[in-house]
Amino acid sequence: MEMSRDKFKLRVFKSFEEENDAEIERLALMSYEERLEEFAILQKRIWGDEWTRKPIKKTISYEKIKW
């Protein structure tokens, strides 16, 4: 039996600002098509397979935190 050894890069950030800067850089390096594909994946994850065929019930949620 052969085991899968998928490798991935893991980064640990020192602050939210550092993480935000890395995300901005990652998005800047993506093509338009890659960004649309990522958007579609996120929409499907949130709304399910039929997110393009059914109206979406719009809701909002938020969380208050103390710093």
N, C-alpha and C. Protein backbone atom coordinates (compact mmCIF):
# COMPACT_ATOMS: atom_id res chain seq x y z
N MET A 1 0.85 -1.18 0.00
CA MET A 1 0.00 0.00 0.00
C MET A 1 0.89 1.24 0.00
N GLU A 2 0.66 2.11 -0.96
CA GLU A 2 1.46 3.34 -1.07
C GLU A 2 0.73 4.49 -0.38
N MET A 3 1.45 5.22 0.43
CA MET A 3 0.86 6.35 1.14
C MET A 3 1.08 7.63 0.35
N SER A 4 0.10 8.48 0.38
CA SER A 4 0.22 9.78 -0.27
C SER A 4 1.06 10.70 0.59
N ARG A 5 1.99 11.38 -0.03
CA ARG A 5 2.84 12.32 0.70
C ARG A 5 2.74 13.69 0.06
N ASP A 6 1.54 14.24 0.10
CA ASP A 6 1.34 15.58 -0.44
C ASP A 6 2.06 16.58 0.45
N LYS A 7 2.74 17.49 -0.18
CA LYS A 7 3.46 18.52 0.55
C LYS A 7 2.75 19.85 0.35
N PHE A 8 2.77 20.66 1.38
CA PHE A 8 2.22 22.00 1.26
C PHE A 8 3.04 22.94 2.13
N LYS A 9 2.97 24.19 1.78
CA LYS A 9 3.74 25.21 2.49
C LYS A 9 2.87 25.80 3.60
N LEU A 10 3.42 25.90 4.77
CA LEU A 10 2.72 26.45 5.91
C LEU A 10 3.49 27.66 6.42
N ARG A 11 2.78 28.77 6.57
CA ARG A 11 3.42 29.97 7.12
C ARG A 11 2.70 30.38 8.40
N VAL A 12 3.45 30.78 9.38
CA VAL A 12 2.91 31.29 10.63
C VAL A 12 3.26 32.77 10.68
N PHE A 13 2.25 33.60 10.89
CA PHE A 13 2.45 35.05 10.88
C PHE A 13 2.51 35.60 12.30
N LYS A 14 3.28 36.66 12.45
CA LYS A 14 3.45 37.29 13.76
C LYS A 14 2.30 38.23 14.10
N SER A 15 1.58 38.69 13.07
CA SER A 15 0.49 39.63 13.31
C SER A 15 -0.56 39.52 12.21
N PHE A 16 -1.73 40.08 12.46
CA PHE A 16 -2.78 40.13 11.44
C PHE A 16 -2.33 40.98 10.26
N GLU A 17 -1.59 42.02 10.53
CA GLU A 17 -1.11 42.90 9.46
C GLU A 17 -0.17 42.14 8.52
N GLU A 18 0.71 41.33 9.08
CA GLU A 18 1.62 40.54 8.27
C GLU A 18 0.84 39.53 7.42
N GLU A 19 -0.18 38.93 8.00
CA GLU A 19 -1.01 37.98 7.25
C GLU A 19 -1.76 38.70 6.14
N ASN A 20 -2.30 39.88 6.43
CA ASN A 20 -3.02 40.65 5.41
C ASN A 20 -2.09 41.02 4.25
N ASP A 21 -0.89 41.44 4.56
CA ASP A 21 0.08 41.79 3.51
C ASP A 21 0.40 40.58 2.64
N ALA A 22 0.56 39.41 3.26
CA ALA A 22 0.85 38.19 2.50
C ALA A 22 -0.34 37.81 1.61
N GLU A 23 -1.55 38.00 2.10
CA GLU A 23 -2.75 37.69 1.30
C GLU A 23 -2.88 38.65 0.12
N ILE A 24 -2.59 39.92 0.33
CA ILE A 24 -2.62 40.90 -0.76
C ILE A 24 -1.60 40.53 -1.82
N GLU A 25 -0.42 40.13 -1.40
CA GLU A 25 0.62 39.72 -2.34
C GLU A 25 0.21 38.46 -3.10
N ARG A 26 -0.38 37.49 -2.39
CA ARG A 26 -0.83 36.25 -3.04
C ARG A 26 -1.89 36.55 -4.10
N LEU A 27 -2.84 37.40 -3.76
CA LEU A 27 -3.90 37.74 -4.72
C LEU A 27 -3.34 38.50 -5.92
N ALA A 28 -2.35 39.35 -5.68
CA ALA A 28 -1.76 40.14 -6.77
C ALA A 28 -1.05 39.23 -7.78
N LEU A 29 -0.53 38.11 -7.32
CA LEU A 29 0.18 37.19 -8.21
C LEU A 29 -0.76 36.26 -8.98
N MET A 30 -2.05 36.24 -8.61
CA MET A 30 -3.01 35.37 -9.27
C MET A 30 -3.53 36.02 -10.55
N SER A 31 -3.86 35.18 -11.52
CA SER A 31 -4.50 35.70 -12.74
C SER A 31 -5.98 35.95 -12.45
N TYR A 32 -6.61 36.65 -13.36
CA TYR A 32 -8.04 36.94 -13.24
C TYR A 32 -8.84 35.63 -13.16
N GLU A 33 -8.49 34.66 -13.98
CA GLU A 33 -9.18 33.37 -14.00
C GLU A 33 -9.00 32.62 -12.69
N GLU A 34 -7.79 32.68 -12.12
CA GLU A 34 -7.55 32.01 -10.84
C GLU A 34 -8.37 32.64 -9.72
N ARG A 35 -8.50 33.96 -9.75
CA ARG A 35 -9.32 34.63 -8.73
C ARG A 35 -10.79 34.26 -8.85
N LEU A 36 -11.28 34.19 -10.10
CA LEU A 36 -12.68 33.79 -10.31
C LEU A 36 -12.90 32.34 -9.86
N GLU A 37 -11.94 31.48 -10.12
CA GLU A 37 -12.06 30.08 -9.70
C GLU A 37 -12.09 29.99 -8.17
N GLU A 38 -11.24 30.75 -7.50
CA GLU A 38 -11.24 30.75 -6.04
C GLU A 38 -12.56 31.28 -5.50
N PHE A 39 -13.09 32.33 -6.12
CA PHE A 39 -14.38 32.89 -5.71
C PHE A 39 -15.48 31.84 -5.85
N ALA A 40 -15.49 31.11 -6.97
CA ALA A 40 -16.51 30.09 -7.19
C ALA A 40 -16.41 28.97 -6.15
N ILE A 41 -15.19 28.60 -5.79
CA ILE A 41 -14.99 27.56 -4.76
C ILE A 41 -15.54 28.02 -3.42
N LEU A 42 -15.26 29.27 -3.06
CA LEU A 42 -15.76 29.80 -1.79
C LEU A 42 -17.28 29.91 -1.79
N GLN A 43 -17.87 30.37 -2.90
CA GLN A 43 -19.33 30.46 -2.99
C GLN A 43 -19.96 29.08 -2.86
N LYS A 44 -19.39 28.09 -3.54
CA LYS A 44 -19.93 26.74 -3.46
C LYS A 44 -19.83 26.19 -2.05
N ARG A 45 -18.71 26.48 -1.38
CA ARG A 45 -18.51 26.01 -0.01
C ARG A 45 -19.55 26.62 0.94
N ILE A 46 -19.88 27.89 0.72
CA ILE A 46 -20.82 28.56 1.60
C ILE A 46 -22.27 28.23 1.26
N TRP A 47 -22.62 28.27 -0.03
CA TRP A 47 -24.02 28.18 -0.44
C TRP A 47 -24.41 26.83 -1.05
N GLY A 48 -23.47 25.94 -1.28
CA GLY A 48 -23.80 24.64 -1.84
C GLY A 48 -23.67 24.62 -3.36
N ASP A 49 -24.02 23.46 -3.94
CA ASP A 49 -23.85 23.25 -5.37
C ASP A 49 -24.73 24.16 -6.23
N GLU A 50 -25.87 24.57 -5.73
CA GLU A 50 -26.81 25.31 -6.56
C GLU A 50 -26.74 26.82 -6.32
N TRP A 51 -25.61 27.32 -5.90
CA TRP A 51 -25.52 28.75 -5.58
C TRP A 51 -25.74 29.64 -6.78
N THR A 52 -25.58 29.13 -8.00
CA THR A 52 -25.82 29.95 -9.19
C THR A 52 -27.24 29.82 -9.71
N ARG A 53 -28.01 28.86 -9.17
CA ARG A 53 -29.35 28.62 -9.69
C ARG A 53 -30.48 29.02 -8.75
N LYS A 54 -30.19 29.25 -7.50
CA LYS A 54 -31.23 29.60 -6.53
C LYS A 54 -30.93 30.98 -5.94
N PRO A 55 -31.98 31.73 -5.63
CA PRO A 55 -31.73 32.99 -4.92
C PRO A 55 -31.10 32.71 -3.55
N ILE A 56 -30.22 33.57 -3.14
CA ILE A 56 -29.52 33.39 -1.87
C ILE A 56 -30.22 34.23 -0.81
N LYS A 57 -30.56 33.62 0.31
CA LYS A 57 -31.11 34.36 1.43
C LYS A 57 -29.97 35.15 2.06
N LYS A 58 -30.07 36.45 2.02
CA LYS A 58 -28.98 37.29 2.49
C LYS A 58 -29.08 37.46 4.00
N THR A 59 -28.00 37.12 4.65
CA THR A 59 -27.89 37.28 6.10
C THR A 59 -26.53 37.86 6.42
N ILE A 60 -26.43 38.41 7.60
CA ILE A 60 -25.16 38.93 8.05
C ILE A 60 -24.97 38.51 9.50
N SER A 61 -23.76 38.23 9.87
CA SER A 61 -23.45 37.93 11.26
C SER A 61 -22.15 38.64 11.61
N TYR A 62 -21.99 38.92 12.87
CA TYR A 62 -20.77 39.57 13.32
C TYR A 62 -20.48 39.12 14.75
N GLU A 63 -19.28 39.37 15.15
CA GLU A 63 -18.84 38.98 16.48
C GLU A 63 -18.08 40.14 17.09
N LYS A 64 -18.42 40.48 18.31
CA LYS A 64 -17.69 41.53 19.03
C LYS A 64 -16.61 40.86 19.87
N ILE A 65 -15.42 41.39 19.77
CA ILE A 65 -14.32 40.87 20.56
C ILE A 65 -13.64 42.02 21.30
N LYS A 66 -13.06 41.72 22.42
CA LYS A 66 -12.33 42.72 23.19
C LYS A 66 -10.85 42.51 22.96
N TRP A 67 -10.14 43.55 22.64
CA TRP A 67 -8.70 43.46 22.40
C TRP A 67 -7.95 43.86 23.62
